[in-house]
Amino acid sequence: MTVDMDAVRRLAAAVDTTAICDAARDARVMSPELRCRSANPVLCGPAVTVRCRDDFLGVIQAIETAQAGDVLVVDGGGRETALAGELFARAALGKGLAGIIVDGGYRDLRFVASCPLPVYSRHVSPKAGSTIVPAQLNTPVVCGGMSVSPGDILVADHNGIIVLDPRTAVAALAAAAEVMKTEAAVIERLDAGAALGECTNLAEHVDLLSRREPSRLRFTV
């Protein structure tokens, strides 16, 4: 399917992952064990996937195949072996990739820690894997405990990494923008001295729950 990535990137730049999760309950949230190792945690782009086990030849293949704006998603099985490092980050920067996510090890943090390319990994390890196992690229993988298919939309920021279905990504991001708009109104009222309960249906919500009636906490601004 064709995804309007211009719209996806424009909308994603105006929201955060918390708003996306509030708006799209089907958003897949990767494990917080995948941590940003670079200077920039913010990324957005379609997934290019590869599955590796203690061998990083497939990661090289994937970087060579990926296009500008893609996010490289590496299913390393959660193992500690480093599947990428400084040279991979430099190569990805040169190609204009949007980021690298490795469910495995990463190394060369002396460079990566100040690198502008978003780089996430589960482990940091100085020990690299072998380069003798060619990999099949762009097949469904598991990364951070979540299934990721080629073309799925990856969005990450200071709060973590989420995966969106490309078929519904624009709608989810547009809904997240509405969440952000509402929260901005709440913040304005809080800054003016209002209590949080004045910005929500808190009293009504608690009353209904105490009577075992269905209710949903919501903003009233």
C-alpha atoms as a PDB file:
ATOM      1  CA  MET A   1       0.000   0.000   0.000  1.00  0.00           C
ATOM      2  CA  THR A   2       1.018   3.614  -0.535  1.00  0.00           C
ATOM      3  CA  VAL A   3       1.572   5.655   2.630  1.00  0.00           C
ATOM      4  CA  ASP A   4       1.675   9.442   2.612  1.00  0.00           C
ATOM      5  CA  MET A   5       4.979   9.699   4.478  1.00  0.00           C
ATOM      6  CA  ASP A   6       5.023  13.474   4.128  1.00  0.00           C
ATOM      7  CA  ALA A   7       1.790  13.616   6.114  1.00  0.00           C
ATOM      8  CA  VAL A   8       3.058  11.025   8.592  1.00  0.00           C
ATOM      9  CA  ARG A   9       6.269  12.953   9.263  1.00  0.00           C
ATOM     10  CA  ARG A  10       4.487  16.308   9.469  1.00  0.00           C
ATOM     11  CA  LEU A  11       1.956  15.008  11.991  1.00  0.00           C
ATOM     12  CA  ALA A  12       4.521  13.015  13.973  1.00  0.00           C
ATOM     13  CA  ALA A  13       6.692  16.103  14.384  1.00  0.00           C
ATOM     14  CA  ALA A  14       3.858  17.855  16.220  1.00  0.00           C
ATOM     15  CA  VAL A  15       2.944  15.100  18.698  1.00  0.00           C
ATOM     16  CA  ASP A  16       4.667  12.807  21.143  1.00  0.00           C
ATOM     17  CA  THR A  17       4.388   9.071  21.690  1.00  0.00           C
ATOM     18  CA  THR A  18       2.250   9.528  24.803  1.00  0.00           C
ATOM     19  CA  ALA A  19      -0.431  11.327  22.805  1.00  0.00           C
ATOM     20  CA  ILE A  20      -0.247   8.703  20.076  1.00  0.00           C
ATOM     21  CA  CYS A  21      -0.793   5.919  22.614  1.00  0.00           C
ATOM     22  CA  ASP A  22      -3.721   7.823  24.131  1.00  0.00           C
ATOM     23  CA  ALA A  23      -5.279   8.249  20.697  1.00  0.00           C
ATOM     24  CA  ALA A  24      -4.445   4.849  19.202  1.00  0.00           C
ATOM     25  CA  ARG A  25      -4.912   2.024  21.665  1.00  0.00           C
ATOM     26  CA  ASP A  26      -3.568  -0.458  19.112  1.00  0.00           C
ATOM     27  CA  ALA A  27      -0.154   1.235  18.983  1.00  0.00           C
ATOM     28  CA  ARG A  28       2.555  -1.325  19.713  1.00  0.00           C
ATOM     29  CA  VAL A  29       4.948  -0.139  22.422  1.00  0.00           C
ATOM     30  CA  MET A  30       8.423  -1.644  22.371  1.00  0.00           C
ATOM     31  CA  SER A  31      10.126  -2.711  25.580  1.00  0.00           C
ATOM     32  CA  PRO A  32      11.733   0.123  27.577  1.00  0.00           C
ATOM     33  CA  GLU A  33      14.813  -2.095  27.669  1.00  0.00           C
ATOM     34  CA  LEU A  34      15.538  -0.677  24.208  1.00  0.00           C
ATOM     35  CA  ARG A  35      17.298   2.547  25.150  1.00  0.00           C
ATOM     36  CA  CYS A  36      18.517   5.487  23.136  1.00  0.00           C
ATOM     37  CA  ARG A  37      22.322   5.405  22.888  1.00  0.00           C
ATOM     38  CA  SER A  38      22.751   8.540  20.785  1.00  0.00           C
ATOM     39  CA  ALA A  39      22.206  12.266  21.205  1.00  0.00           C
ATOM     40  CA  ASN A  40      18.790  12.271  19.539  1.00  0.00           C
ATOM     41  CA  PRO A  41      15.912   9.972  20.551  1.00  0.00           C
ATOM     42  CA  VAL A  42      13.366  11.324  18.040  1.00  0.00           C
ATOM     43  CA  LEU A  43      12.676   9.324  14.887  1.00  0.00           C
ATOM     44  CA  CYS A  44       9.894   8.583  12.442  1.00  0.00           C
ATOM     45  CA  GLY A  45       9.943   6.400   9.367  1.00  0.00           C
ATOM     46  CA  PRO A  46       8.987   3.118   7.721  1.00  0.00           C
ATOM     47  CA  ALA A  47      10.690  -0.058   8.879  1.00  0.00           C
ATOM     48  CA  VAL A  48      13.350  -1.944   6.984  1.00  0.00           C
ATOM     49  CA  THR A  49      13.701  -5.230   8.861  1.00  0.00           C
ATOM     50  CA  VAL A  50      16.386  -7.870   9.323  1.00  0.00           C
ATOM     51  CA  ARG A  51      16.763 -10.841  11.652  1.00  0.00           C
ATOM     52  CA  CYS A  52      20.246 -11.694  12.982  1.00  0.00           C
ATOM     53  CA  ARG A  53      21.664 -13.975  15.650  1.00  0.00           C
ATOM     54  CA  ASP A  54      25.192 -13.092  16.773  1.00  0.00           C
ATOM     55  CA  ASP A  55      26.115 -12.251  13.171  1.00  0.00           C
ATOM     56  CA  PHE A  56      25.855  -8.752  11.712  1.00  0.00           C
ATOM     57  CA  LEU A  57      26.286  -9.445   8.000  1.00  0.00           C
ATOM     58  CA  GLY A  58      22.544  -8.942   7.591  1.00  0.00           C
ATOM     59  CA  VAL A  59      22.763  -5.502   9.178  1.00  0.00           C
ATOM     60  CA  ILE A  60      25.282  -4.454   6.542  1.00  0.00           C
ATOM     61  CA  GLN A  61      22.971  -5.842   3.852  1.00  0.00           C
ATOM     62  CA  ALA A  62      20.037  -3.923   5.318  1.00  0.00           C
ATOM     63  CA  ILE A  63      21.893  -0.612   5.471  1.00  0.00           C
ATOM     64  CA  GLU A  64      22.914  -1.046   1.850  1.00  0.00           C
ATOM     65  CA  THR A  65      19.286  -1.697   0.884  1.00  0.00           C
ATOM     66  CA  ALA A  66      17.604   0.973   3.026  1.00  0.00           C
ATOM     67  CA  GLN A  67      16.540   4.298   1.555  1.00  0.00           C
ATOM     68  CA  ALA A  68      16.643   7.800   3.001  1.00  0.00           C
ATOM     69  CA  GLY A  69      14.024   8.174   5.718  1.00  0.00           C
ATOM     70  CA  ASP A  70      13.850   4.466   6.560  1.00  0.00           C
ATOM     71  CA  VAL A  71      14.265   3.080  10.069  1.00  0.00           C
ATOM     72  CA  LEU A  72      16.479   0.004  10.331  1.00  0.00           C
ATOM     73  CA  VAL A  73      14.866  -2.522  12.696  1.00  0.00           C
ATOM     74  CA  VAL A  74      17.175  -5.369  13.755  1.00  0.00           C
ATOM     75  CA  ASP A  75      15.763  -8.461  15.451  1.00  0.00           C
ATOM     76  CA  GLY A  76      18.834  -9.656  17.302  1.00  0.00           C
ATOM     77  CA  GLY A  77      16.950 -11.950  19.629  1.00  0.00           C
ATOM     78  CA  GLY A  78      17.774  -9.751  22.598  1.00  0.00           C
ATOM     79  CA  ARG A  79      21.303 -11.151  22.752  1.00  0.00           C
ATOM     80  CA  GLU A  80      24.220  -9.123  24.055  1.00  0.00           C
ATOM     81  CA  THR A  81      26.445  -9.498  20.990  1.00  0.00           C
ATOM     82  CA  ALA A  82      27.000  -6.142  19.262  1.00  0.00           C
ATOM     83  CA  LEU A  83      25.371  -6.138  15.837  1.00  0.00           C
ATOM     84  CA  ALA A  84      26.360  -2.573  14.897  1.00  0.00           C
ATOM     85  CA  GLY A  85      28.616   0.280  15.921  1.00  0.00           C
ATOM     86  CA  GLU A  86      30.180   3.546  14.809  1.00  0.00           C
ATOM     87  CA  LEU A  87      30.695   2.618  11.165  1.00  0.00           C
ATOM     88  CA  PHE A  88      27.067   1.541  10.825  1.00  0.00           C
ATOM     89  CA  ALA A  89      25.827   4.798  12.330  1.00  0.00           C
ATOM     90  CA  ARG A  90      28.072   6.807  10.011  1.00  0.00           C
ATOM     91  CA  ALA A  91      26.882   4.842   6.990  1.00  0.00           C
ATOM     92  CA  ALA A  92      23.238   5.318   8.027  1.00  0.00           C
ATOM     93  CA  LEU A  93      23.802   9.048   8.484  1.00  0.00           C
ATOM     94  CA  GLY A  94      25.361   9.249   5.048  1.00  0.00           C
ATOM     95  CA  LYS A  95      22.327   7.599   3.474  1.00  0.00           C
ATOM     96  CA  GLY A  96      19.873   9.766   5.388  1.00  0.00           C
ATOM     97  CA  LEU A  97      18.269   6.964   7.382  1.00  0.00           C
ATOM     98  CA  ALA A  98      15.848   8.039  10.116  1.00  0.00           C
ATOM     99  CA  GLY A  99      17.291   5.741  12.778  1.00  0.00           C
ATOM    100  CA  ILE A 100      18.542   2.344  13.897  1.00  0.00           C
ATOM    101  CA  ILE A 101      16.793   0.076  16.414  1.00  0.00           C
ATOM    102  CA  VAL A 102      18.649  -3.063  17.503  1.00  0.00           C
ATOM    103  CA  ASP A 103      17.162  -5.673  19.807  1.00  0.00           C
ATOM    104  CA  GLY A 104      20.648  -6.777  20.695  1.00  0.00           C
ATOM    105  CA  GLY A 105      23.976  -5.123  21.369  1.00  0.00           C
ATOM    106  CA  TYR A 106      25.490  -1.902  20.052  1.00  0.00           C
ATOM    107  CA  ARG A 107      29.033  -0.652  20.514  1.00  0.00           C
ATOM    108  CA  ASP A 108      31.349   2.312  19.915  1.00  0.00           C
ATOM    109  CA  LEU A 109      29.465   4.533  22.350  1.00  0.00           C
ATOM    110  CA  ARG A 110      32.315   7.057  22.378  1.00  0.00           C
ATOM    111  CA  PHE A 111      31.060   8.152  18.962  1.00  0.00           C
ATOM    112  CA  VAL A 112      27.437   7.046  19.132  1.00  0.00           C
ATOM    113  CA  ALA A 113      26.696   8.950  22.360  1.00  0.00           C
ATOM    114  CA  SER A 114      27.104  12.248  20.506  1.00  0.00           C
ATOM    115  CA  CYS A 115      25.735  11.060  17.160  1.00  0.00           C
ATOM    116  CA  PRO A 116      22.659  12.923  15.815  1.00  0.00           C
ATOM    117  CA  LEU A 117      21.251   9.709  14.322  1.00  0.00           C
ATOM    118  CA  PRO A 118      18.699   8.099  16.663  1.00  0.00           C
ATOM    119  CA  VAL A 119      20.211   4.768  17.760  1.00  0.00           C
ATOM    120  CA  TYR A 120      18.433   2.380  20.126  1.00  0.00           C
ATOM    121  CA  SER A 121      19.655  -0.938  21.496  1.00  0.00           C
ATOM    122  CA  ARG A 122      18.902  -3.398  24.282  1.00  0.00           C
ATOM    123  CA  HIS A 123      22.555  -3.880  25.264  1.00  0.00           C
ATOM    124  CA  VAL A 124      25.920  -2.200  24.962  1.00  0.00           C
ATOM    125  CA  SER A 125      28.804  -4.579  24.348  1.00  0.00           C
ATOM    126  CA  PRO A 126      32.317  -4.295  22.934  1.00  0.00           C
ATOM    127  CA  LYS A 127      32.128  -7.786  21.421  1.00  0.00           C
ATOM    128  CA  ALA A 128      30.895  -7.945  17.822  1.00  0.00           C
ATOM    129  CA  GLY A 129      29.367 -10.912  16.096  1.00  0.00           C
ATOM    130  CA  SER A 130      30.538 -12.789  13.028  1.00  0.00           C
ATOM    131  CA  THR A 131      29.910 -11.946   9.353  1.00  0.00           C
ATOM    132  CA  ILE A 132      29.256 -15.339   7.782  1.00  0.00           C
ATOM    133  CA  VAL A 133      25.457 -15.631   7.708  1.00  0.00           C
ATOM    134  CA  PRO A 134      23.640 -13.749   4.922  1.00  0.00           C
ATOM    135  CA  ALA A 135      20.205 -12.664   6.068  1.00  0.00           C
ATOM    136  CA  GLN A 136      16.816 -12.403   4.421  1.00  0.00           C
ATOM    137  CA  LEU A 137      15.705  -8.802   4.520  1.00  0.00           C
ATOM    138  CA  ASN A 138      12.253  -7.274   4.935  1.00  0.00           C
ATOM    139  CA  THR A 139      10.428 -10.135   6.574  1.00  0.00           C
ATOM    140  CA  PRO A 140       8.289  -9.849   9.722  1.00  0.00           C
ATOM    141  CA  VAL A 141      10.467  -9.708  12.847  1.00  0.00           C
ATOM    142  CA  VAL A 142      10.128  -9.237  16.599  1.00  0.00           C
ATOM    143  CA  CYS A 143      11.872  -6.244  18.139  1.00  0.00           C
ATOM    144  CA  GLY A 144      11.439  -5.029  21.692  1.00  0.00           C
ATOM    145  CA  GLY A 145       8.749  -7.658  22.182  1.00  0.00           C
ATOM    146  CA  MET A 146       6.608  -6.290  19.351  1.00  0.00           C
ATOM    147  CA  SER A 147       5.986  -7.657  15.887  1.00  0.00           C
ATOM    148  CA  VAL A 148       7.291  -5.388  13.137  1.00  0.00           C
ATOM    149  CA  SER A 149       6.585  -5.866   9.451  1.00  0.00           C
ATOM    150  CA  PRO A 150       8.391  -4.109   6.615  1.00  0.00           C
ATOM    151  CA  GLY A 151       6.789  -0.721   6.064  1.00  0.00           C
ATOM    152  CA  ASP A 152       5.327  -0.426   9.552  1.00  0.00           C
ATOM    153  CA  ILE A 153       5.734   3.105  10.879  1.00  0.00           C
ATOM    154  CA  LEU A 154       8.215   3.566  13.722  1.00  0.00           C
ATOM    155  CA  VAL A 155       7.902   6.634  15.947  1.00  0.00           C
ATOM    156  CA  ALA A 156      10.201   7.290  18.907  1.00  0.00           C
ATOM    157  CA  ASP A 157      10.969  10.079  21.344  1.00  0.00           C
ATOM    158  CA  HIS A 158      12.072  10.562  24.960  1.00  0.00           C
ATOM    159  CA  ASN A 159       9.221   8.315  26.137  1.00  0.00           C
ATOM    160  CA  GLY A 160       9.990   5.270  24.015  1.00  0.00           C
ATOM    161  CA  ILE A 161       9.369   3.542  20.696  1.00  0.00           C
ATOM    162  CA  ILE A 162       6.013   2.698  19.147  1.00  0.00           C
ATOM    163  CA  VAL A 163       4.964   0.845  16.017  1.00  0.00           C
ATOM    164  CA  LEU A 164       1.986   1.939  13.922  1.00  0.00           C
ATOM    165  CA  ASP A 165       0.073   0.135  11.211  1.00  0.00           C
ATOM    166  CA  PRO A 166       0.801   2.102   8.013  1.00  0.00           C
ATOM    167  CA  ARG A 167      -2.846   1.781   6.977  1.00  0.00           C
ATOM    168  CA  THR A 168      -4.033   3.764   9.993  1.00  0.00           C
ATOM    169  CA  ALA A 169      -0.949   5.818  10.875  1.00  0.00           C
ATOM    170  CA  VAL A 170      -2.180   9.138   9.471  1.00  0.00           C
ATOM    171  CA  ALA A 171      -5.507   8.831  11.299  1.00  0.00           C
ATOM    172  CA  ALA A 172      -3.761   7.850  14.543  1.00  0.00           C
ATOM    173  CA  LEU A 173      -1.364  10.777  14.332  1.00  0.00           C
ATOM    174  CA  ALA A 174      -4.180  13.208  13.498  1.00  0.00           C
ATOM    175  CA  ALA A 175      -6.087  11.960  16.559  1.00  0.00           C
ATOM    176  CA  ALA A 176      -2.920  12.398  18.628  1.00  0.00           C
ATOM    177  CA  ALA A 177      -2.754  16.015  17.475  1.00  0.00           C
ATOM    178  CA  GLU A 178      -6.254  16.535  18.907  1.00  0.00           C
ATOM    179  CA  VAL A 179      -5.088  15.007  22.199  1.00  0.00           C
ATOM    180  CA  MET A 180      -2.183  17.449  22.263  1.00  0.00           C
ATOM    181  CA  LYS A 181      -4.573  20.334  21.555  1.00  0.00           C
ATOM    182  CA  THR A 182      -6.791  19.368  24.477  1.00  0.00           C
ATOM    183  CA  GLU A 183      -3.805  18.935  26.784  1.00  0.00           C
ATOM    184  CA  ALA A 184      -2.549  22.386  25.810  1.00  0.00           C
ATOM    185  CA  ALA A 185      -5.869  23.835  26.962  1.00  0.00           C
ATOM    186  CA  VAL A 186      -5.582  21.941  30.248  1.00  0.00           C
ATOM    187  CA  ILE A 187      -2.041  23.205  30.761  1.00  0.00           C
ATOM    188  CA  GLU A 188      -3.226  26.754  30.183  1.00  0.00           C
ATOM    189  CA  ARG A 189      -5.853  26.363  32.891  1.00  0.00           C
ATOM    190  CA  LEU A 190      -3.432  24.692  35.308  1.00  0.00           C
ATOM    191  CA  ASP A 191      -0.931  27.503  34.788  1.00  0.00           C
ATOM    192  CA  ALA A 192      -3.728  29.943  35.624  1.00  0.00           C
ATOM    193  CA  GLY A 193      -4.242  28.215  38.950  1.00  0.00           C
ATOM    194  CA  ALA A 194      -6.990  25.682  38.258  1.00  0.00           C
ATOM    195  CA  ALA A 195      -6.944  22.289  39.975  1.00  0.00           C
ATOM    196  CA  LEU A 196      -6.733  19.122  37.916  1.00  0.00           C
ATOM    197  CA  GLY A 197     -10.189  18.127  39.102  1.00  0.00           C
ATOM    198  CA  GLU A 198     -11.598  21.321  37.593  1.00  0.00           C
ATOM    199  CA  CYS A 199     -10.302  20.270  34.198  1.00  0.00           C
ATOM    200  CA  THR A 200     -11.869  16.806  34.300  1.00  0.00           C
ATOM    201  CA  ASN A 201     -15.102  15.084  35.236  1.00  0.00           C
ATOM    202  CA  LEU A 202     -13.321  13.693  38.308  1.00  0.00           C
ATOM    203  CA  ALA A 203     -16.167  14.001  40.845  1.00  0.00           C
ATOM    204  CA  GLU A 204     -18.773  12.554  38.490  1.00  0.00           C
ATOM    205  CA  HIS A 205     -16.393   9.789  37.421  1.00  0.00           C
ATOM    206  CA  VAL A 206     -15.615   8.699  40.992  1.00  0.00           C
ATOM    207  CA  ASP A 207     -19.305   8.848  41.931  1.00  0.00           C
ATOM    208  CA  LEU A 208     -20.334   6.627  39.029  1.00  0.00           C
ATOM    209  CA  LEU A 209     -17.555   4.142  39.723  1.00  0.00           C
ATOM    210  CA  SER A 210     -18.520   3.990  43.399  1.00  0.00           C
ATOM    211  CA  ARG A 211     -22.023   3.018  42.257  1.00  0.00           C
ATOM    212  CA  ARG A 212     -20.480   0.442  39.921  1.00  0.00           C
ATOM    213  CA  GLU A 213     -21.732   2.252  36.880  1.00  0.00           C
ATOM    214  CA  PRO A 214     -19.657   2.617  33.718  1.00  0.00           C
ATOM    215  CA  SER A 215     -17.663   5.815  33.429  1.00  0.00           C
ATOM    216  CA  ARG A 216     -14.603   7.259  31.742  1.00  0.00           C
ATOM    217  CA  LEU A 217     -12.332   9.947  33.096  1.00  0.00           C
ATOM    218  CA  ARG A 218     -12.134  12.748  30.540  1.00  0.00           C
ATOM    219  CA  PHE A 219     -11.070  16.340  30.190  1.00  0.00           C
ATOM    220  CA  THR A 220     -13.856  18.920  30.290  1.00  0.00           C
ATOM    221  CA  VAL A 221     -12.004  21.914  28.860  1.00  0.00           C
END
